[in-house]
Amino acid sequence: MMIDNIIMVAAIISLCVGALGVLFGALGLLRLGDVYQRMHGAGIIDTGGAGLILFGLLLASPDWTVSVRLVLIGLLLGLTSPTATHAIARAAHFAGVKPLLKTSSGAQTDKEADV
């Protein structure tokens, strides 16, 4: 009985932290400047947020068949997310998209001053 309560509390904490990860990643997609920076926000959503949500659901799953499905979804997400992020970065690089090199205050960075 006591172990069930501990597992449920861990599941709730994992779900809440995962939801915060998704929220912060979504804010990153809205606030960040260019495609390279926005990929970081998308990576937070994929790995951090969705991974923790899947882990919380795995802890709270009532049946082993549901657990197997959640593990398979997590493996699929873990394999496809970095591949998709790399493909987007590579396509942006070959399309000639330059990274945003200015800081938030508008001052030039060292790389930009050398050019």
PDB file of N, CA and C in Angstrom:
ATOM      1  N   MET A   1       0.823  -1.204   0.000  1.00  0.00           N
ATOM      2  CA  MET A   1       0.000   0.000   0.000  1.00  0.00           C
ATOM      3  C   MET A   1       0.864   1.265   0.000  1.00  0.00           C
ATOM      4  N   MET A   2       1.897   1.264   0.814  1.00  0.00           N
ATOM      5  CA  MET A   2       2.762   2.438   0.909  1.00  0.00           C
ATOM      6  C   MET A   2       3.553   2.652  -0.385  1.00  0.00           C
ATOM      7  N   ILE A   3       4.007   1.563  -1.008  1.00  0.00           N
ATOM      8  CA  ILE A   3       4.788   1.680  -2.233  1.00  0.00           C
ATOM      9  C   ILE A   3       3.935   2.215  -3.380  1.00  0.00           C
ATOM     10  N   ASP A   4       2.646   1.873  -3.385  1.00  0.00           N
ATOM     11  CA  ASP A   4       1.750   2.398  -4.415  1.00  0.00           C
ATOM     12  C   ASP A   4       1.611   3.910  -4.312  1.00  0.00           C
ATOM     13  N   ASN A   5       1.553   4.421  -3.094  1.00  0.00           N
ATOM     14  CA  ASN A   5       1.464   5.875  -2.906  1.00  0.00           C
ATOM     15  C   ASN A   5       2.738   6.576  -3.365  1.00  0.00           C
ATOM     16  N   ILE A   6       3.888   5.970  -3.086  1.00  0.00           N
ATOM     17  CA  ILE A   6       5.158   6.564  -3.492  1.00  0.00           C
ATOM     18  C   ILE A   6       5.269   6.584  -5.014  1.00  0.00           C
ATOM     19  N   ILE A   7       4.867   5.494  -5.653  1.00  0.00           N
ATOM     20  CA  ILE A   7       4.915   5.434  -7.116  1.00  0.00           C
ATOM     21  C   ILE A   7       3.962   6.457  -7.727  1.00  0.00           C
ATOM     22  N   MET A   8       2.784   6.612  -7.155  1.00  0.00           N
ATOM     23  CA  MET A   8       1.830   7.585  -7.692  1.00  0.00           C
ATOM     24  C   MET A   8       2.324   9.021  -7.515  1.00  0.00           C
ATOM     25  N   VAL A   9       2.969   9.314  -6.387  1.00  0.00           N
ATOM     26  CA  VAL A   9       3.530  10.651  -6.177  1.00  0.00           C
ATOM     27  C   VAL A   9       4.654  10.908  -7.182  1.00  0.00           C
ATOM     28  N   ALA A  10       5.506   9.902  -7.416  1.00  0.00           N
ATOM     29  CA  ALA A  10       6.581  10.052  -8.404  1.00  0.00           C
ATOM     30  C   ALA A  10       6.005  10.259  -9.806  1.00  0.00           C
ATOM     31  N   ALA A  11       4.910   9.575 -10.114  1.00  0.00           N
ATOM     32  CA  ALA A  11       4.263   9.749 -11.419  1.00  0.00           C
ATOM     33  C   ALA A  11       3.705  11.158 -11.565  1.00  0.00           C
ATOM     34  N   ILE A  12       3.075  11.661 -10.535  1.00  0.00           N
ATOM     35  CA  ILE A  12       2.503  13.013 -10.585  1.00  0.00           C
ATOM     36  C   ILE A  12       3.601  14.064 -10.725  1.00  0.00           C
ATOM     37  N   ILE A  13       4.700  13.887  -9.984  1.00  0.00           N
ATOM     38  CA  ILE A  13       5.820  14.828 -10.086  1.00  0.00           C
ATOM     39  C   ILE A  13       6.418  14.793 -11.487  1.00  0.00           C
ATOM     40  N   SER A  14       6.588  13.596 -12.032  1.00  0.00           N
ATOM     41  CA  SER A  14       7.140  13.467 -13.388  1.00  0.00           C
ATOM     42  C   SER A  14       6.221  14.115 -14.424  1.00  0.00           C
ATOM     43  N   LEU A  15       4.922  13.921 -14.281  1.00  0.00           N
ATOM     44  CA  LEU A  15       3.977  14.546 -15.210  1.00  0.00           C
ATOM     45  C   LEU A  15       4.009  16.068 -15.108  1.00  0.00           C
ATOM     46  N   CYS A  16       4.105  16.592 -13.892  1.00  0.00           N
ATOM     47  CA  CYS A  16       4.136  18.051 -13.717  1.00  0.00           C
ATOM     48  C   CYS A  16       5.422  18.663 -14.254  1.00  0.00           C
ATOM     49  N   VAL A  17       6.564  18.021 -13.985  1.00  0.00           N
ATOM     50  CA  VAL A  17       7.835  18.538 -14.500  1.00  0.00           C
ATOM     51  C   VAL A  17       7.866  18.421 -16.025  1.00  0.00           C
ATOM     52  N   GLY A  18       7.322  17.343 -16.565  1.00  0.00           N
ATOM     53  CA  GLY A  18       7.243  17.197 -18.013  1.00  0.00           C
ATOM     54  C   GLY A  18       6.360  18.253 -18.645  1.00  0.00           C
ATOM     55  N   ALA A  19       5.252  18.571 -17.992  1.00  0.00           N
ATOM     56  CA  ALA A  19       4.376  19.623 -18.505  1.00  0.00           C
ATOM     57  C   ALA A  19       5.084  20.981 -18.473  1.00  0.00           C
ATOM     58  N   LEU A  20       5.885  21.234 -17.434  1.00  0.00           N
ATOM     59  CA  LEU A  20       6.671  22.473 -17.399  1.00  0.00           C
ATOM     60  C   LEU A  20       7.710  22.497 -18.512  1.00  0.00           C
ATOM     61  N   GLY A  21       8.324  21.347 -18.801  1.00  0.00           N
ATOM     62  CA  GLY A  21       9.280  21.272 -19.907  1.00  0.00           C
ATOM     63  C   GLY A  21       8.628  21.586 -21.238  1.00  0.00           C
ATOM     64  N   VAL A  22       7.431  21.071 -21.451  1.00  0.00           N
ATOM     65  CA  VAL A  22       6.702  21.366 -22.687  1.00  0.00           C
ATOM     66  C   VAL A  22       6.345  22.851 -22.747  1.00  0.00           C
ATOM     67  N   LEU A  23       5.939  23.416 -21.631  1.00  0.00           N
ATOM     68  CA  LEU A  23       5.591  24.839 -21.586  1.00  0.00           C
ATOM     69  C   LEU A  23       6.805  25.713 -21.890  1.00  0.00           C
ATOM     70  N   PHE A  24       7.957  25.408 -21.256  1.00  0.00           N
ATOM     71  CA  PHE A  24       9.158  26.205 -21.503  1.00  0.00           C
ATOM     72  C   PHE A  24       9.654  26.029 -22.938  1.00  0.00           C
ATOM     73  N   GLY A  25       9.541  24.841 -23.467  1.00  0.00           N
ATOM     74  CA  GLY A  25       9.927  24.621 -24.865  1.00  0.00           C
ATOM     75  C   GLY A  25       9.037  25.388 -25.823  1.00  0.00           C
ATOM     76  N   ALA A  26       7.738  25.431 -25.532  1.00  0.00           N
ATOM     77  CA  ALA A  26       6.809  26.187 -26.382  1.00  0.00           C
ATOM     78  C   ALA A  26       7.106  27.684 -26.306  1.00  0.00           C
ATOM     79  N   LEU A  27       7.434  28.168 -25.112  1.00  0.00           N
ATOM     80  CA  LEU A  27       7.826  29.574 -24.995  1.00  0.00           C
ATOM     81  C   LEU A  27       9.116  29.842 -25.769  1.00  0.00           C
ATOM     82  N   GLY A  28      10.028  28.870 -25.772  1.00  0.00           N
ATOM     83  CA  GLY A  28      11.258  29.009 -26.551  1.00  0.00           C
ATOM     84  C   GLY A  28      10.976  29.095 -28.036  1.00  0.00           C
ATOM     85  N   LEU A  29      10.009  28.321 -28.505  1.00  0.00           N
ATOM     86  CA  LEU A  29       9.651  28.396 -29.920  1.00  0.00           C
ATOM     87  C   LEU A  29       9.095  29.768 -30.277  1.00  0.00           C
ATOM     88  N   LEU A  30       8.413  30.398 -29.354  1.00  0.00           N
ATOM     89  CA  LEU A  30       7.844  31.716 -29.620  1.00  0.00           C
ATOM     90  C   LEU A  30       8.872  32.839 -29.467  1.00  0.00           C
ATOM     91  N   ARG A  31       9.767  32.720 -28.501  1.00  0.00           N
ATOM     92  CA  ARG A  31      10.647  33.825 -28.158  1.00  0.00           C
ATOM     93  C   ARG A  31      11.987  33.832 -28.891  1.00  0.00           C
ATOM     94  N   LEU A  32      12.500  32.671 -29.248  1.00  0.00           N
ATOM     95  CA  LEU A  32      13.849  32.621 -29.808  1.00  0.00           C
ATOM     96  C   LEU A  32      13.866  33.134 -31.241  1.00  0.00           C
ATOM     97  N   GLY A  33      15.044  33.597 -31.678  1.00  0.00           N
ATOM     98  CA  GLY A  33      15.130  34.383 -32.887  1.00  0.00           C
ATOM     99  C   GLY A  33      15.171  33.649 -34.203  1.00  0.00           C
ATOM    100  N   ASP A  34      16.046  32.672 -34.348  1.00  0.00           N
ATOM    101  CA  ASP A  34      16.205  32.048 -35.658  1.00  0.00           C
ATOM    102  C   ASP A  34      15.951  30.547 -35.569  1.00  0.00           C
ATOM    103  N   VAL A  35      16.099  29.885 -36.717  1.00  0.00           N
ATOM    104  CA  VAL A  35      15.743  28.467 -36.800  1.00  0.00           C
ATOM    105  C   VAL A  35      16.655  27.620 -35.918  1.00  0.00           C
ATOM    106  N   TYR A  36      17.906  27.989 -35.777  1.00  0.00           N
ATOM    107  CA  TYR A  36      18.836  27.215 -34.969  1.00  0.00           C
ATOM    108  C   TYR A  36      18.489  27.309 -33.484  1.00  0.00           C
ATOM    109  N   GLN A  37      18.110  28.483 -33.047  1.00  0.00           N
ATOM    110  CA  GLN A  37      17.712  28.651 -31.652  1.00  0.00           C
ATOM    111  C   GLN A  37      16.368  27.980 -31.378  1.00  0.00           C
ATOM    112  N   ARG A  38      15.473  28.054 -32.331  1.00  0.00           N
ATOM    113  CA  ARG A  38      14.161  27.421 -32.139  1.00  0.00           C
ATOM    114  C   ARG A  38      14.246  25.906 -32.098  1.00  0.00           C
ATOM    115  N   MET A  39      15.259  25.341 -32.744  1.00  0.00           N
ATOM    116  CA  MET A  39      15.444  23.894 -32.656  1.00  0.00           C
ATOM    117  C   MET A  39      15.763  23.472 -31.227  1.00  0.00           C
ATOM    118  N   HIS A  40      16.408  24.350 -30.468  1.00  0.00           N
ATOM    119  CA  HIS A  40      16.685  24.056 -29.064  1.00  0.00           C
ATOM    120  C   HIS A  40      15.381  23.953 -28.281  1.00  0.00           C
ATOM    121  N   GLY A  41      14.454  24.874 -28.531  1.00  0.00           N
ATOM    122  CA  GLY A  41      13.147  24.798 -27.872  1.00  0.00           C
ATOM    123  C   GLY A  41      12.390  23.543 -28.243  1.00  0.00           C
ATOM    124  N   ALA A  42      12.475  23.149 -29.490  1.00  0.00           N
ATOM    125  CA  ALA A  42      11.813  21.919 -29.931  1.00  0.00           C
ATOM    126  C   ALA A  42      12.462  20.696 -29.295  1.00  0.00           C
ATOM    127  N   GLY A  43      13.766  20.742 -29.107  1.00  0.00           N
ATOM    128  CA  GLY A  43      14.457  19.630 -28.454  1.00  0.00           C
ATOM    129  C   GLY A  43      14.064  19.485 -26.996  1.00  0.00           C
ATOM    130  N   ILE A  44      13.824  20.597 -26.334  1.00  0.00           N
ATOM    131  CA  ILE A  44      13.355  20.543 -24.944  1.00  0.00           C
ATOM    132  C   ILE A  44      11.989  19.875 -24.881  1.00  0.00           C
ATOM    133  N   ILE A  45      11.118  20.225 -25.812  1.00  0.00           N
ATOM    134  CA  ILE A  45       9.788  19.613 -25.835  1.00  0.00           C
ATOM    135  C   ILE A  45       9.899  18.114 -26.076  1.00  0.00           C
ATOM    136  N   ASP A  46      10.703  17.725 -27.069  1.00  0.00           N
ATOM    137  CA  ASP A  46      10.804  16.315 -27.439  1.00  0.00           C
ATOM    138  C   ASP A  46      11.430  15.467 -26.344  1.00  0.00           C
ATOM    139  N   THR A  47      12.617  15.840 -25.923  1.00  0.00           N
ATOM    140  CA  THR A  47      13.341  14.969 -25.004  1.00  0.00           C
ATOM    141  C   THR A  47      12.919  15.171 -23.562  1.00  0.00           C
ATOM    142  N   GLY A  48      12.957  16.395 -23.112  1.00  0.00           N
ATOM    143  CA  GLY A  48      12.645  16.647 -21.709  1.00  0.00           C
ATOM    144  C   GLY A  48      11.187  16.502 -21.359  1.00  0.00           C
ATOM    145  N   GLY A  49      10.366  17.279 -22.026  1.00  0.00           N
ATOM    146  CA  GLY A  49       8.946  17.298 -21.689  1.00  0.00           C
ATOM    147  C   GLY A  49       8.231  16.002 -21.995  1.00  0.00           C
ATOM    148  N   ALA A  50       8.323  15.562 -23.227  1.00  0.00           N
ATOM    149  CA  ALA A  50       7.612  14.343 -23.615  1.00  0.00           C
ATOM    150  C   ALA A  50       8.189  13.116 -22.922  1.00  0.00           C
ATOM    151  N   GLY A  51       9.509  13.091 -22.728  1.00  0.00           N
ATOM    152  CA  GLY A  51      10.120  11.961 -22.032  1.00  0.00           C
ATOM    153  C   GLY A  51       9.643  11.832 -20.600  1.00  0.00           C
ATOM    154  N   LEU A  52       9.574  12.955 -19.891  1.00  0.00           N
ATOM    155  CA  LEU A  52       9.089  12.909 -18.512  1.00  0.00           C
ATOM    156  C   LEU A  52       7.602  12.597 -18.435  1.00  0.00           C
ATOM    157  N   ILE A  53       6.842  13.089 -19.388  1.00  0.00           N
ATOM    158  CA  ILE A  53       5.416  12.764 -19.410  1.00  0.00           C
ATOM    159  C   ILE A  53       5.220  11.272 -19.670  1.00  0.00           C
ATOM    160  N   LEU A  54       5.967  10.723 -20.608  1.00  0.00           N
ATOM    161  CA  LEU A  54       5.875   9.283 -20.863  1.00  0.00           C
ATOM    162  C   LEU A  54       6.307   8.469 -19.650  1.00  0.00           C
ATOM    163  N   PHE A  55       7.348   8.926 -18.949  1.00  0.00           N
ATOM    164  CA  PHE A  55       7.792   8.217 -17.746  1.00  0.00           C
ATOM    165  C   PHE A  55       6.727   8.262 -16.651  1.00  0.00           C
ATOM    166  N   GLY A  56       6.082   9.427 -16.471  1.00  0.00           N
ATOM    167  CA  GLY A  56       5.006   9.527 -15.487  1.00  0.00           C
ATOM    168  C   GLY A  56       3.827   8.638 -15.842  1.00  0.00           C
ATOM    169  N   LEU A  57       3.494   8.588 -17.124  1.00  0.00           N
ATOM    170  CA  LEU A  57       2.415   7.692 -17.555  1.00  0.00           C
ATOM    171  C   LEU A  57       2.807   6.227 -17.385  1.00  0.00           C
ATOM    172  N   LEU A  58       4.085   5.928 -17.586  1.00  0.00           N
ATOM    173  CA  LEU A  58       4.568   4.572 -17.387  1.00  0.00           C
ATOM    174  C   LEU A  58       4.438   4.151 -15.925  1.00  0.00           C
ATOM    175  N   LEU A  59       4.766   5.059 -15.014  1.00  0.00           N
ATOM    176  CA  LEU A  59       4.618   4.750 -13.590  1.00  0.00           C
ATOM    177  C   LEU A  59       3.162   4.564 -13.190  1.00  0.00           C
ATOM    178  N   ALA A  60       2.266   5.294 -13.828  1.00  0.00           N
ATOM    179  CA  ALA A  60       0.846   5.238 -13.457  1.00  0.00           C
ATOM    180  C   ALA A  60       0.057   4.231 -14.287  1.00  0.00           C
ATOM    181  N   SER A  61       0.714   3.525 -15.204  1.00  0.00           N
ATOM    182  CA  SER A  61      -0.026   2.621 -16.091  1.00  0.00           C
ATOM    183  C   SER A  61      -0.576   1.425 -15.317  1.00  0.00           C
ATOM    184  N   PRO A  62      -1.818   1.076 -15.586  1.00  0.00           N
ATOM    185  CA  PRO A  62      -2.458   0.001 -14.827  1.00  0.00           C
ATOM    186  C   PRO A  62      -2.136  -1.398 -15.348  1.00  0.00           C
ATOM    187  N   ASP A  63      -1.686  -1.508 -16.586  1.00  0.00           N
ATOM    188  CA  ASP A  63      -1.520  -2.814 -17.213  1.00  0.00           C
ATOM    189  C   ASP A  63      -0.166  -2.875 -17.903  1.00  0.00           C
ATOM    190  N   TRP A  64       0.393  -4.067 -18.042  1.00  0.00           N
ATOM    191  CA  TRP A  64       1.698  -4.208 -18.661  1.00  0.00           C
ATOM    192  C   TRP A  64       1.647  -3.932 -20.162  1.00  0.00           C
ATOM    193  N   THR A  65       0.490  -4.141 -20.784  1.00  0.00           N
ATOM    194  CA  THR A  65       0.402  -3.851 -22.222  1.00  0.00           C
ATOM    195  C   THR A  65       0.499  -2.350 -22.489  1.00  0.00           C
ATOM    196  N   VAL A  66      -0.069  -1.575 -21.612  1.00  0.00           N
ATOM    197  CA  VAL A  66       0.049  -0.115 -21.726  1.00  0.00           C
ATOM    198  C   VAL A  66       1.500   0.296 -21.502  1.00  0.00           C
ATOM    199  N   SER A  67       2.167  -0.334 -20.559  1.00  0.00           N
ATOM    200  CA  SER A  67       3.575  -0.027 -20.282  1.00  0.00           C
ATOM    201  C   SER A  67       4.453  -0.329 -21.483  1.00  0.00           C
ATOM    202  N   VAL A  68       4.205  -1.446 -22.144  1.00  0.00           N
ATOM    203  CA  VAL A  68       4.986  -1.800 -23.324  1.00  0.00           C
ATOM    204  C   VAL A  68       4.775  -0.769 -24.423  1.00  0.00           C
ATOM    205  N   ARG A  69       3.557  -0.350 -24.614  1.00  0.00           N
ATOM    206  CA  ARG A  69       3.276   0.670 -25.638  1.00  0.00           C
ATOM    207  C   ARG A  69       3.972   1.988 -25.320  1.00  0.00           C
ATOM    208  N   LEU A  70       3.957   2.383 -24.045  1.00  0.00           N
ATOM    209  CA  LEU A  70       4.615   3.630 -23.656  1.00  0.00           C
ATOM    210  C   LEU A  70       6.123   3.546 -23.851  1.00  0.00           C
ATOM    211  N   VAL A  71       6.712   2.401 -23.561  1.00  0.00           N
ATOM    212  CA  VAL A  71       8.151   2.228 -23.780  1.00  0.00           C
ATOM    213  C   VAL A  71       8.465   2.293 -25.272  1.00  0.00           C
ATOM    214  N   LEU A  72       7.639   1.672 -26.098  1.00  0.00           N
ATOM    215  CA  LEU A  72       7.854   1.724 -27.547  1.00  0.00           C
ATOM    216  C   LEU A  72       7.716   3.145 -28.089  1.00  0.00           C
ATOM    217  N   ILE A  73       6.758   3.883 -27.576  1.00  0.00           N
ATOM    218  CA  ILE A  73       6.608   5.286 -27.976  1.00  0.00           C
ATOM    219  C   ILE A  73       7.845   6.085 -27.565  1.00  0.00           C
ATOM    220  N   GLY A  74       8.344   5.845 -26.355  1.00  0.00           N
ATOM    221  CA  GLY A  74       9.546   6.533 -25.895  1.00  0.00           C
ATOM    222  C   GLY A  74      10.765   6.207 -26.741  1.00  0.00           C
ATOM    223  N   LEU A  75      10.922   4.928 -27.120  1.00  0.00           N
ATOM    224  CA  LEU A  75      12.032   4.550 -27.988  1.00  0.00           C
ATOM    225  C   LEU A  75      11.916   5.197 -29.364  1.00  0.00           C
ATOM    226  N   LEU A  76      10.716   5.216 -29.902  1.00  0.00           N
ATOM    227  CA  LEU A  76      10.500   5.853 -31.196  1.00  0.00           C
ATOM    228  C   LEU A  76      10.815   7.344 -31.133  1.00  0.00           C
ATOM    229  N   LEU A  77      10.377   7.987 -30.075  1.00  0.00           N
ATOM    230  CA  LEU A  77      10.643   9.409 -29.891  1.00  0.00           C
ATOM    231  C   LEU A  77      12.130   9.668 -29.705  1.00  0.00           C
ATOM    232  N   GLY A  78      12.805   8.793 -28.960  1.00  0.00           N
ATOM    233  CA  GLY A  78      14.235   8.955 -28.744  1.00  0.00           C
ATOM    234  C   GLY A  78      15.069   8.738 -29.988  1.00  0.00           C
ATOM    235  N   LEU A  79      14.571   7.953 -30.917  1.00  0.00           N
ATOM    236  CA  LEU A  79      15.306   7.721 -32.164  1.00  0.00           C
ATOM    237  C   LEU A  79      15.005   8.765 -33.229  1.00  0.00           C
ATOM    238  N   THR A  80      13.771   9.212 -33.315  1.00  0.00           N
ATOM    239  CA  THR A  80      13.394  10.113 -34.401  1.00  0.00           C
ATOM    240  C   THR A  80      13.642  11.588 -34.092  1.00  0.00           C
ATOM    241  N   SER A  81      13.573  11.991 -32.849  1.00  0.00           N
ATOM    242  CA  SER A  81      13.730  13.406 -32.509  1.00  0.00           C
ATOM    243  C   SER A  81      15.113  13.952 -32.857  1.00  0.00           C
ATOM    244  N   PRO A  82      16.201  13.311 -32.442  1.00  0.00           N
ATOM    245  CA  PRO A  82      17.509  13.848 -32.846  1.00  0.00           C
ATOM    246  C   PRO A  82      17.737  13.798 -34.353  1.00  0.00           C
ATOM    247  N   THR A  83      17.204  12.790 -35.007  1.00  0.00           N
ATOM    248  CA  THR A  83      17.356  12.685 -36.457  1.00  0.00           C
ATOM    249  C   THR A  83      16.633  13.835 -37.162  1.00  0.00           C
ATOM    250  N   ALA A  84      15.428  14.136 -36.724  1.00  0.00           N
ATOM    251  CA  ALA A  84      14.675  15.232 -37.329  1.00  0.00           C
ATOM    252  C   ALA A  84      15.341  16.580 -37.059  1.00  0.00           C
ATOM    253  N   THR A  85      15.846  16.776 -35.849  1.00  0.00           N
ATOM    254  CA  THR A  85      16.523  18.025 -35.525  1.00  0.00           C
ATOM    255  C   THR A  85      17.774  18.199 -36.379  1.00  0.00           C
ATOM    256  N   HIS A  86      18.522  17.123 -36.557  1.00  0.00           N
ATOM    257  CA  HIS A  86      19.719  17.194 -37.396  1.00  0.00           C
ATOM    258  C   HIS A  86      19.355  17.489 -38.851  1.00  0.00           C
ATOM    259  N   ALA A  87      18.294  16.879 -39.338  1.00  0.00           N
ATOM    260  CA  ALA A  87      17.872  17.109 -40.722  1.00  0.00           C
ATOM    261  C   ALA A  87      17.437  18.552 -40.933  1.00  0.00           C
ATOM    262  N   ILE A  88      16.749  19.129 -39.961  1.00  0.00           N
ATOM    263  CA  ILE A  88      16.328  20.529 -40.068  1.00  0.00           C
ATOM    264  C   ILE A  88      17.541  21.455 -40.054  1.00  0.00           C
ATOM    265  N   ALA A  89      18.491  21.194 -39.156  1.00  0.00           N
ATOM    266  CA  ALA A  89      19.687  22.033 -39.087  1.00  0.00           C
ATOM    267  C   ALA A  89      20.506  21.927 -40.362  1.00  0.00           C
ATOM    268  N   ARG A  90      20.621  20.739 -40.890  1.00  0.00           N
ATOM    269  CA  ARG A  90      21.383  20.536 -42.125  1.00  0.00           C
ATOM    270  C   ARG A  90      20.714  21.231 -43.315  1.00  0.00           C
ATOM    271  N   ALA A  91      19.387  21.130 -43.399  1.00  0.00           N
ATOM    272  CA  ALA A  91      18.664  21.784 -44.488  1.00  0.00           C
ATOM    273  C   ALA A  91      18.776  23.306 -44.375  1.00  0.00           C
ATOM    274  N   ALA A  92      18.701  23.830 -43.167  1.00  0.00           N
ATOM    275  CA  ALA A  92      18.837  25.277 -42.987  1.00  0.00           C
ATOM    276  C   ALA A  92      20.244  25.734 -43.349  1.00  0.00           C
ATOM    277  N   HIS A  93      21.247  24.948 -42.984  1.00  0.00           N
ATOM    278  CA  HIS A  93      22.635  25.298 -43.319  1.00  0.00           C
ATOM    279  C   HIS A  93      22.851  25.302 -44.826  1.00  0.00           C
ATOM    280  N   PHE A  94      22.367  24.277 -45.510  1.00  0.00           N
ATOM    281  CA  PHE A  94      22.559  24.202 -46.959  1.00  0.00           C
ATOM    282  C   PHE A  94      21.692  25.208 -47.713  1.00  0.00           C
ATOM    283  N   ALA A  95      20.613  25.679 -47.085  1.00  0.00           N
ATOM    284  CA  ALA A  95      19.791  26.713 -47.714  1.00  0.00           C
ATOM    285  C   ALA A  95      20.391  28.101 -47.528  1.00  0.00           C
ATOM    286  N   GLY A  96      21.458  28.188 -46.746  1.00  0.00           N
ATOM    287  CA  GLY A  96      22.133  29.467 -46.557  1.00  0.00           C
ATOM    288  C   GLY A  96      21.608  30.289 -45.408  1.00  0.00           C
ATOM    289  N   VAL A  97      20.862  29.691 -44.504  1.00  0.00           N
ATOM    290  CA  VAL A  97      20.352  30.423 -43.350  1.00  0.00           C
ATOM    291  C   VAL A  97      21.498  30.632 -42.374  1.00  0.00           C
ATOM    292  N   LYS A  98      21.792  31.888 -42.088  1.00  0.00           N
ATOM    293  CA  LYS A  98      22.872  32.219 -41.161  1.00  0.00           C
ATOM    294  C   LYS A  98      22.314  32.313 -39.742  1.00  0.00           C
ATOM    295  N   PRO A  99      23.114  31.879 -38.761  1.00  0.00           N
ATOM    296  CA  PRO A  99      22.658  32.011 -37.381  1.00  0.00           C
ATOM    297  C   PRO A  99      22.626  33.469 -36.931  1.00  0.00           C
ATOM    298  N   LEU A 100      21.712  33.769 -36.047  1.00  0.00           N
ATOM    299  CA  LEU A 100      21.596  35.101 -35.476  1.00  0.00           C
ATOM    300  C   LEU A 100      22.731  35.284 -34.480  1.00  0.00           C
ATOM    301  N   LEU A 101      23.595  36.265 -34.717  1.00  0.00           N
ATOM    302  CA  LEU A 101      24.784  36.422 -33.886  1.00  0.00           C
ATOM    303  C   LEU A 101      24.699  37.602 -32.936  1.00  0.00           C
ATOM    304  N   LYS A 102      23.608  38.320 -32.918  1.00  0.00           N
ATOM    305  CA  LYS A 102      23.484  39.466 -32.022  1.00  0.00           C
ATOM    306  C   LYS A 102      22.928  39.010 -30.677  1.00  0.00           C
ATOM    307  N   THR A 103      23.396  39.663 -29.629  1.00  0.00           N
ATOM    308  CA  THR A 103      22.865  39.383 -28.303  1.00  0.00           C
ATOM    309  C   THR A 103      21.549  40.117 -28.138  1.00  0.00           C
ATOM    310  N   SER A 104      20.874  39.891 -27.036  1.00  0.00           N
ATOM    311  CA  SER A 104      19.566  40.505 -26.837  1.00  0.00           C
ATOM    312  C   SER A 104      19.659  42.020 -26.688  1.00  0.00           C
ATOM    313  N   SER A 105      20.814  42.539 -26.248  1.00  0.00           N
ATOM    314  CA  SER A 105      20.948  43.992 -26.104  1.00  0.00           C
ATOM    315  C   SER A 105      21.338  44.671 -27.408  1.00  0.00           C
ATOM    316  N   GLY A 106      21.602  43.879 -28.459  1.00  0.00           N
ATOM    317  CA  GLY A 106      21.943  44.465 -29.746  1.00  0.00           C
ATOM    318  C   GLY A 106      23.422  44.666 -29.952  1.00  0.00           C
ATOM    319  N   ALA A 107      24.249  44.342 -28.954  1.00  0.00           N
ATOM    320  CA  ALA A 107      25.688  44.482 -29.105  1.00  0.00           C
ATOM    321  C   ALA A 107      26.222  43.372 -29.995  1.00  0.00           C
ATOM    322  N   GLN A 108      27.325  43.671 -30.683  1.00  0.00           N
ATOM    323  CA  GLN A 108      27.903  42.669 -31.565  1.00  0.00           C
ATOM    324  C   GLN A 108      28.712  41.656 -30.761  1.00  0.00           C
ATOM    325  N   THR A 109      28.711  40.408 -31.245  1.00  0.00           N
ATOM    326  CA  THR A 109      29.529  39.391 -30.620  1.00  0.00           C
ATOM    327  C   THR A 109      30.931  39.431 -31.210  1.00  0.00           C
ATOM    328  N   ASP A 110      31.836  38.644 -30.663  1.00  0.00           N
ATOM    329  CA  ASP A 110      33.227  38.632 -31.140  1.00  0.00           C
ATOM    330  C   ASP A 110      33.318  38.163 -32.576  1.00  0.00           C
ATOM    331  N   LYS A 111      32.549  37.155 -32.957  1.00  0.00           N
ATOM    332  CA  LYS A 111      32.585  36.647 -34.324  1.00  0.00           C
ATOM    333  C   LYS A 111      32.126  37.713 -35.315  1.00  0.00           C
ATOM    334  N   GLU A 112      31.119  38.459 -34.938  1.00  0.00           N
ATOM    335  CA  GLU A 112      30.562  39.455 -35.843  1.00  0.00           C
ATOM    336  C   GLU A 112      31.515  40.650 -35.979  1.00  0.00           C
ATOM    337  N   ALA A 113      32.242  40.989 -34.928  1.00  0.00           N
ATOM    338  CA  ALA A 113      33.163  42.115 -34.980  1.00  0.00           C
ATOM    339  C   ALA A 113      34.375  41.800 -35.861  1.00  0.00           C
ATOM    340  N   ASP A 114      34.744  40.514 -35.971  1.00  0.00           N
ATOM    341  CA  ASP A 114      35.885  40.125 -36.791  1.00  0.00           C
ATOM    342  C   ASP A 114      35.583  40.199 -38.281  1.00  0.00           C
ATOM    343  N   VAL A 115      34.343  40.105 -38.674  1.00  0.00           N
ATOM    344  CA  VAL A 115      33.978  40.060 -40.088  1.00  0.00           C
ATOM    345  C   VAL A 115      34.065  41.396 -40.738  1.00  0.00           C
TER     346      VAL A 115
END
